[in-house]
Amino acid sequence: MMTAYDFRRYTIRVSIYVVLAIFTIIFLTPVYIVIITALKDPATINLPTTWQPPAAPYWASFNEVLTEFGPRIQNSVLLVVFATVISSVAGSMNGYVLSKWRIPGERILFPLMLFGMFIPYQAILIPLFEFMRSTNLYGGIPGLVLVHVVYGLPITTLIFRNFYVDIPDEMLEAASIDGAGFWRIYTQVVFPLSLPGFVVVIIWQFTQIWNEFLFAVTLAPNAQPITVGLAQLAGGEAVKWNLPMAGAIIAALPPLVVYIILGRYFIRGLLAGSIKG
């Protein structure tokens, strides 16, 4: 027989699940609208039938968007791959140095690097624009990669520094006694232990870079990524709403796939180094 205490616990648990289910429905409602609108014939899209699913899926929207997005998808892939890899490796090396090596001015250098995370994009956009033009990096993917690498270094350095704090100093000292130098210790001892940290950094950087719009629209007019194309689909006075909705689905798929593949390691990697450092 259920006691009063058990009944109270059961009631609280059921209430929590009901509240979570309500919030889930609220959160997924825009996703539902996006999907059914993308699958509708543009002639049938109107306000009274917003919530109604299509009688038959209209797949031509995705074909049209893919044709329009082709070069931009390639630009986004090049941008996100190079910027993520470079910023991850550079952040790993920074974190290794700042956590395991004593260098002059490290107590000032590390806070200054972290300060970069709190600088809004808009605050440095004009001087950054002038710098990119003066160095002939304006307009293409290489300059955009450089911007995202530099802007990603503070967070990647922080994540890796907190992660490397947990690596026992005795392990590195043993490698040093065996004659290993800086690069050998990093490549043969530290780097192989860095998988959880790299998972966190890759997911973070991939998502941030793939979804970024301001730098893309202002600094790379000759090699626009997918976010700029998505904004252009929704521009103009007469909008075929099936196209921006289909574009939003296509643009959201790569980060979603990354989270599905690496998501189970994400929290584990975030918690690594949370006890010390």
Protein backbone atom coordinates (compact mmCIF):
# COMPACT_ATOMS: atom_id res chain seq x y z
CA MET A 1 0.00 0.00 0.00
CA MET A 2 1.30 3.44 -0.95
CA THR A 3 2.18 5.62 2.02
CA ALA A 4 1.61 9.36 2.20
CA TYR A 5 5.33 9.92 1.65
CA ASP A 6 5.38 7.68 -1.43
CA PHE A 7 2.26 9.37 -2.79
CA ARG A 8 3.83 12.79 -2.32
CA ARG A 9 7.01 11.68 -4.11
CA TYR A 10 4.95 10.17 -6.93
CA THR A 11 2.89 13.36 -7.28
CA ILE A 12 5.99 15.54 -7.40
CA ARG A 13 7.62 13.31 -10.02
CA VAL A 14 4.51 13.26 -12.20
CA SER A 15 4.20 17.05 -11.90
CA ILE A 16 7.81 17.51 -12.98
CA TYR A 17 7.29 15.28 -16.02
CA VAL A 18 4.11 17.14 -16.96
CA VAL A 19 5.87 20.49 -16.74
CA LEU A 20 8.81 19.18 -18.77
CA ALA A 21 6.41 17.80 -21.40
CA ILE A 22 4.67 21.18 -21.65
CA PHE A 23 7.97 23.01 -22.09
CA THR A 24 9.07 20.44 -24.67
CA ILE A 25 5.92 21.03 -26.70
CA ILE A 26 6.41 24.81 -26.50
CA PHE A 27 10.05 24.46 -27.55
CA LEU A 28 9.26 22.15 -30.48
CA THR A 29 6.31 24.16 -31.79
CA PRO A 30 8.47 26.43 -34.02
CA VAL A 31 10.28 23.34 -35.31
CA TYR A 32 6.94 21.83 -36.29
CA ILE A 33 5.95 25.02 -38.13
CA VAL A 34 9.27 25.12 -39.97
CA ILE A 35 9.00 21.50 -41.12
CA ILE A 36 5.40 21.57 -42.33
CA THR A 37 5.88 24.94 -44.06
CA ALA A 38 8.96 23.64 -45.87
CA LEU A 39 6.92 20.70 -47.14
CA LYS A 40 4.01 22.78 -48.43
CA ASP A 41 3.40 23.97 -51.97
CA PRO A 42 3.98 27.75 -51.95
CA ALA A 43 0.49 28.28 -53.40
CA THR A 44 -1.09 26.66 -50.31
CA ILE A 45 0.85 28.63 -47.67
CA ASN A 46 -1.38 31.13 -45.88
CA LEU A 47 -2.07 32.23 -42.32
CA PRO A 48 -5.35 30.29 -41.75
CA THR A 49 -3.67 26.97 -42.63
CA THR A 50 -0.42 27.61 -40.74
CA TRP A 51 -0.87 24.69 -38.36
CA GLN A 52 -2.17 22.22 -40.91
CA PRO A 53 0.30 19.70 -42.36
CA PRO A 54 0.53 19.47 -46.14
CA ALA A 55 -1.74 17.10 -48.00
CA ALA A 56 1.31 15.85 -49.94
CA PRO A 57 4.98 16.71 -49.31
CA TYR A 58 6.40 19.32 -51.69
CA TRP A 59 10.06 18.25 -52.00
CA ALA A 60 10.88 20.77 -54.73
CA SER A 61 11.61 23.35 -52.02
CA PHE A 62 14.67 21.41 -50.88
CA ASN A 63 15.91 20.90 -54.43
CA GLU A 64 15.61 24.61 -55.13
CA VAL A 65 17.38 25.55 -51.91
CA LEU A 66 20.20 23.06 -52.48
CA THR A 67 20.72 24.50 -55.96
CA GLU A 68 20.83 28.00 -54.51
CA PHE A 69 22.98 26.99 -51.51
CA GLY A 70 25.48 24.82 -53.37
CA PRO A 71 28.49 27.20 -53.36
CA ARG A 72 27.56 28.60 -49.95
CA ILE A 73 27.46 25.14 -48.38
CA GLN A 74 30.95 24.52 -49.76
CA ASN A 75 32.12 27.84 -48.30
CA SER A 76 30.63 26.99 -44.92
CA VAL A 77 32.25 23.56 -44.88
CA LEU A 78 35.68 24.97 -45.74
CA LEU A 79 35.29 27.72 -43.17
CA VAL A 80 34.11 25.54 -40.32
CA VAL A 81 36.61 22.71 -40.92
CA PHE A 82 39.72 24.88 -41.12
CA ALA A 83 38.69 27.33 -38.38
CA THR A 84 37.61 24.56 -35.99
CA VAL A 85 40.73 22.45 -36.49
CA ILE A 86 43.17 25.36 -36.21
CA SER A 87 41.48 26.95 -33.18
CA SER A 88 41.18 23.57 -31.44
CA VAL A 89 44.83 22.65 -31.89
CA ALA A 90 46.03 26.16 -30.99
CA GLY A 91 43.77 26.23 -27.93
CA SER A 92 45.10 22.82 -26.90
CA MET A 93 48.68 24.02 -27.05
CA ASN A 94 47.82 27.22 -25.20
CA GLY A 95 46.04 25.27 -22.49
CA TYR A 96 48.99 22.90 -22.16
CA VAL A 97 51.48 25.75 -21.76
CA LEU A 98 49.31 27.74 -19.35
CA SER A 99 48.52 24.73 -17.14
CA LYS A 100 51.84 22.84 -17.06
CA TRP A 101 54.57 25.36 -17.84
CA ARG A 102 55.67 28.38 -15.89
CA ILE A 103 56.18 31.34 -18.22
CA PRO A 104 56.80 35.01 -17.38
CA GLY A 105 53.59 37.02 -17.09
CA GLU A 106 51.22 34.04 -17.25
CA ARG A 107 48.98 35.48 -14.54
CA ILE A 108 48.43 38.53 -16.73
CA LEU A 109 48.42 36.77 -20.10
CA PHE A 110 45.67 34.26 -19.30
CA PRO A 111 43.12 36.84 -18.01
CA LEU A 112 43.86 39.01 -21.03
CA MET A 113 43.12 36.06 -23.32
CA LEU A 114 39.86 35.35 -21.48
CA PHE A 115 38.90 39.01 -21.84
CA GLY A 116 38.60 38.34 -25.56
CA MET A 117 35.49 36.23 -24.93
CA PHE A 118 33.60 39.26 -23.63
CA ILE A 119 34.34 41.64 -26.50
CA PRO A 120 31.20 41.98 -28.67
CA TYR A 121 31.64 41.47 -32.40
CA GLN A 122 30.15 44.88 -33.10
CA ALA A 123 32.76 46.65 -30.94
CA ILE A 124 35.68 45.61 -33.15
CA LEU A 125 33.95 45.32 -36.51
CA ILE A 126 35.20 48.61 -38.03
CA PRO A 127 38.89 48.26 -37.03
CA LEU A 128 38.73 44.59 -38.01
CA PHE A 129 37.31 45.56 -41.41
CA GLU A 130 40.16 48.04 -41.94
CA PHE A 131 42.74 45.48 -40.83
CA MET A 132 41.40 42.85 -43.21
CA ARG A 133 41.52 45.28 -46.12
CA SER A 134 45.04 46.44 -45.33
CA THR A 135 46.29 42.83 -45.21
CA ASN A 136 44.42 41.76 -48.39
CA LEU A 137 42.42 39.19 -46.40
CA TYR A 138 39.08 40.90 -46.94
CA GLY A 139 36.45 39.18 -49.03
CA GLY A 140 37.38 35.50 -48.89
CA ILE A 141 37.42 32.37 -46.77
CA PRO A 142 41.06 32.65 -45.51
CA GLY A 143 40.39 35.97 -43.80
CA LEU A 144 37.17 34.66 -42.28
CA VAL A 145 39.00 31.57 -41.01
CA LEU A 146 41.60 33.80 -39.36
CA VAL A 147 38.91 35.88 -37.64
CA HIS A 148 37.15 32.84 -36.21
CA VAL A 149 40.42 31.26 -35.09
CA VAL A 150 41.44 34.39 -33.20
CA TYR A 151 37.97 34.88 -31.71
CA GLY A 152 37.78 31.20 -30.72
CA LEU A 153 41.17 31.03 -28.97
CA PRO A 154 39.98 32.40 -25.58
CA ILE A 155 37.27 29.77 -25.07
CA THR A 156 39.31 26.88 -26.49
CA THR A 157 42.28 27.86 -24.31
CA LEU A 158 40.06 28.01 -21.22
CA ILE A 159 38.51 24.61 -21.86
CA PHE A 160 41.84 22.90 -22.50
CA ARG A 161 43.58 24.60 -19.59
CA ASN A 162 40.91 23.34 -17.18
CA PHE A 163 41.17 19.90 -18.74
CA TYR A 164 44.97 19.66 -18.58
CA VAL A 165 45.07 20.68 -14.93
CA ASP A 166 43.88 17.16 -14.10
CA ILE A 167 46.82 15.48 -15.86
CA PRO A 168 49.29 14.43 -13.12
CA ASP A 169 52.49 16.45 -13.14
CA GLU A 170 54.38 13.24 -12.31
CA MET A 171 53.48 11.84 -15.74
CA LEU A 172 55.01 14.82 -17.51
CA GLU A 173 58.03 14.80 -15.21
CA ALA A 174 58.62 11.14 -15.99
CA ALA A 175 58.52 11.89 -19.72
CA SER A 176 60.92 14.78 -19.20
CA ILE A 177 63.34 12.55 -17.27
CA ASP A 178 63.24 10.09 -20.18
CA GLY A 179 64.53 12.89 -22.40
CA ALA A 180 61.27 14.12 -23.93
CA GLY A 181 61.11 17.81 -24.76
CA PHE A 182 58.22 20.20 -25.10
CA TRP A 183 56.87 18.91 -28.43
CA ARG A 184 57.40 15.24 -27.65
CA ILE A 185 55.60 15.54 -24.31
CA TYR A 186 52.71 17.31 -26.00
CA THR A 187 52.38 14.97 -28.98
CA GLN A 188 53.01 11.66 -27.19
CA VAL A 189 51.60 12.27 -23.70
CA VAL A 190 49.23 15.24 -23.58
CA PHE A 191 47.59 15.08 -27.01
CA PRO A 192 46.48 11.42 -26.77
CA LEU A 193 44.72 12.23 -23.47
CA SER A 194 42.87 15.21 -24.94
CA LEU A 195 39.95 13.48 -26.69
CA PRO A 196 37.22 14.68 -24.25
CA GLY A 197 38.52 18.23 -24.48
CA PHE A 198 38.65 18.12 -28.27
CA VAL A 199 35.08 16.84 -28.42
CA VAL A 200 33.82 19.79 -26.38
CA VAL A 201 35.85 22.32 -28.36
CA ILE A 202 34.91 20.86 -31.75
CA ILE A 203 31.19 20.89 -30.95
CA TRP A 204 31.39 24.43 -29.56
CA GLN A 205 33.47 25.88 -32.37
CA PHE A 206 31.59 24.04 -35.12
CA THR A 207 28.24 25.35 -33.89
CA GLN A 208 29.44 28.90 -33.32
CA ILE A 209 31.22 29.20 -36.66
CA TRP A 210 28.53 27.49 -38.71
CA ASN A 211 25.78 29.73 -37.31
CA GLU A 212 27.74 33.01 -37.26
CA PHE A 213 26.35 35.74 -39.49
CA LEU A 214 27.84 39.18 -38.76
CA PHE A 215 31.44 38.46 -39.77
CA ALA A 216 30.22 36.40 -42.72
CA VAL A 217 28.08 39.16 -44.19
CA THR A 218 30.58 41.98 -43.62
CA LEU A 219 33.99 40.38 -44.18
CA ALA A 220 33.41 37.77 -46.89
CA PRO A 221 31.25 39.21 -49.70
CA ASN A 222 33.05 37.06 -52.29
CA ALA A 223 32.66 33.77 -50.41
CA GLN A 224 29.41 33.93 -48.49
CA PRO A 225 28.56 31.00 -46.19
CA ILE A 226 25.17 29.41 -45.75
CA THR A 227 23.89 31.82 -43.09
CA VAL A 228 24.11 34.75 -45.51
CA GLY A 229 22.26 32.78 -48.17
CA LEU A 230 19.56 31.89 -45.66
CA ALA A 231 19.03 35.56 -44.82
CA GLN A 232 18.79 36.40 -48.53
CA LEU A 233 16.10 33.75 -49.04
CA ALA A 234 13.87 35.62 -46.60
CA GLY A 235 14.58 39.03 -48.14
CA GLY A 236 12.36 40.98 -50.50
CA GLU A 237 8.74 41.98 -50.41
CA ALA A 238 7.21 38.72 -51.69
CA VAL A 239 8.69 35.75 -49.83
CA LYS A 240 8.07 32.13 -50.73
CA TRP A 241 8.05 30.92 -47.14
CA ASN A 242 8.68 27.31 -48.10
CA LEU A 243 12.19 28.26 -49.28
CA PRO A 244 13.55 29.93 -46.11
CA MET A 245 11.99 27.15 -44.03
CA ALA A 246 13.63 24.48 -46.17
CA GLY A 247 16.87 26.46 -46.04
CA ALA A 248 16.66 26.63 -42.25
CA ILE A 249 16.31 22.85 -42.06
CA ILE A 250 19.29 22.28 -44.36
CA ALA A 251 21.38 24.82 -42.44
CA ALA A 252 20.49 23.20 -39.10
CA LEU A 253 21.33 19.63 -40.15
CA PRO A 254 25.18 19.72 -39.89
CA PRO A 255 25.29 20.99 -36.25
CA LEU A 256 22.51 18.54 -35.39
CA VAL A 257 24.49 15.64 -36.88
CA VAL A 258 27.59 16.71 -34.94
CA TYR A 259 25.62 16.78 -31.69
CA ILE A 260 24.08 13.37 -32.40
CA ILE A 261 27.47 11.80 -33.09
CA LEU A 262 29.49 13.51 -30.35
CA GLY A 263 26.79 14.64 -27.92
CA ARG A 264 27.28 11.83 -25.40
CA TYR A 265 30.90 12.91 -24.96
CA PHE A 266 30.04 16.61 -24.63
CA ILE A 267 28.97 16.72 -20.97
CA ARG A 268 31.73 14.30 -20.05
CA GLY A 269 34.28 16.59 -21.63
CA LEU A 270 32.80 19.68 -19.98
CA LEU A 271 33.02 18.07 -16.57
CA ALA A 272 36.65 17.08 -17.12
CA GLY A 273 38.80 19.45 -15.16
CA SER A 274 35.85 20.87 -13.20
CA ILE A 275 37.14 19.65 -9.86
CA LYS A 276 40.56 21.27 -10.00
CA GLY A 277 41.69 24.47 -11.73
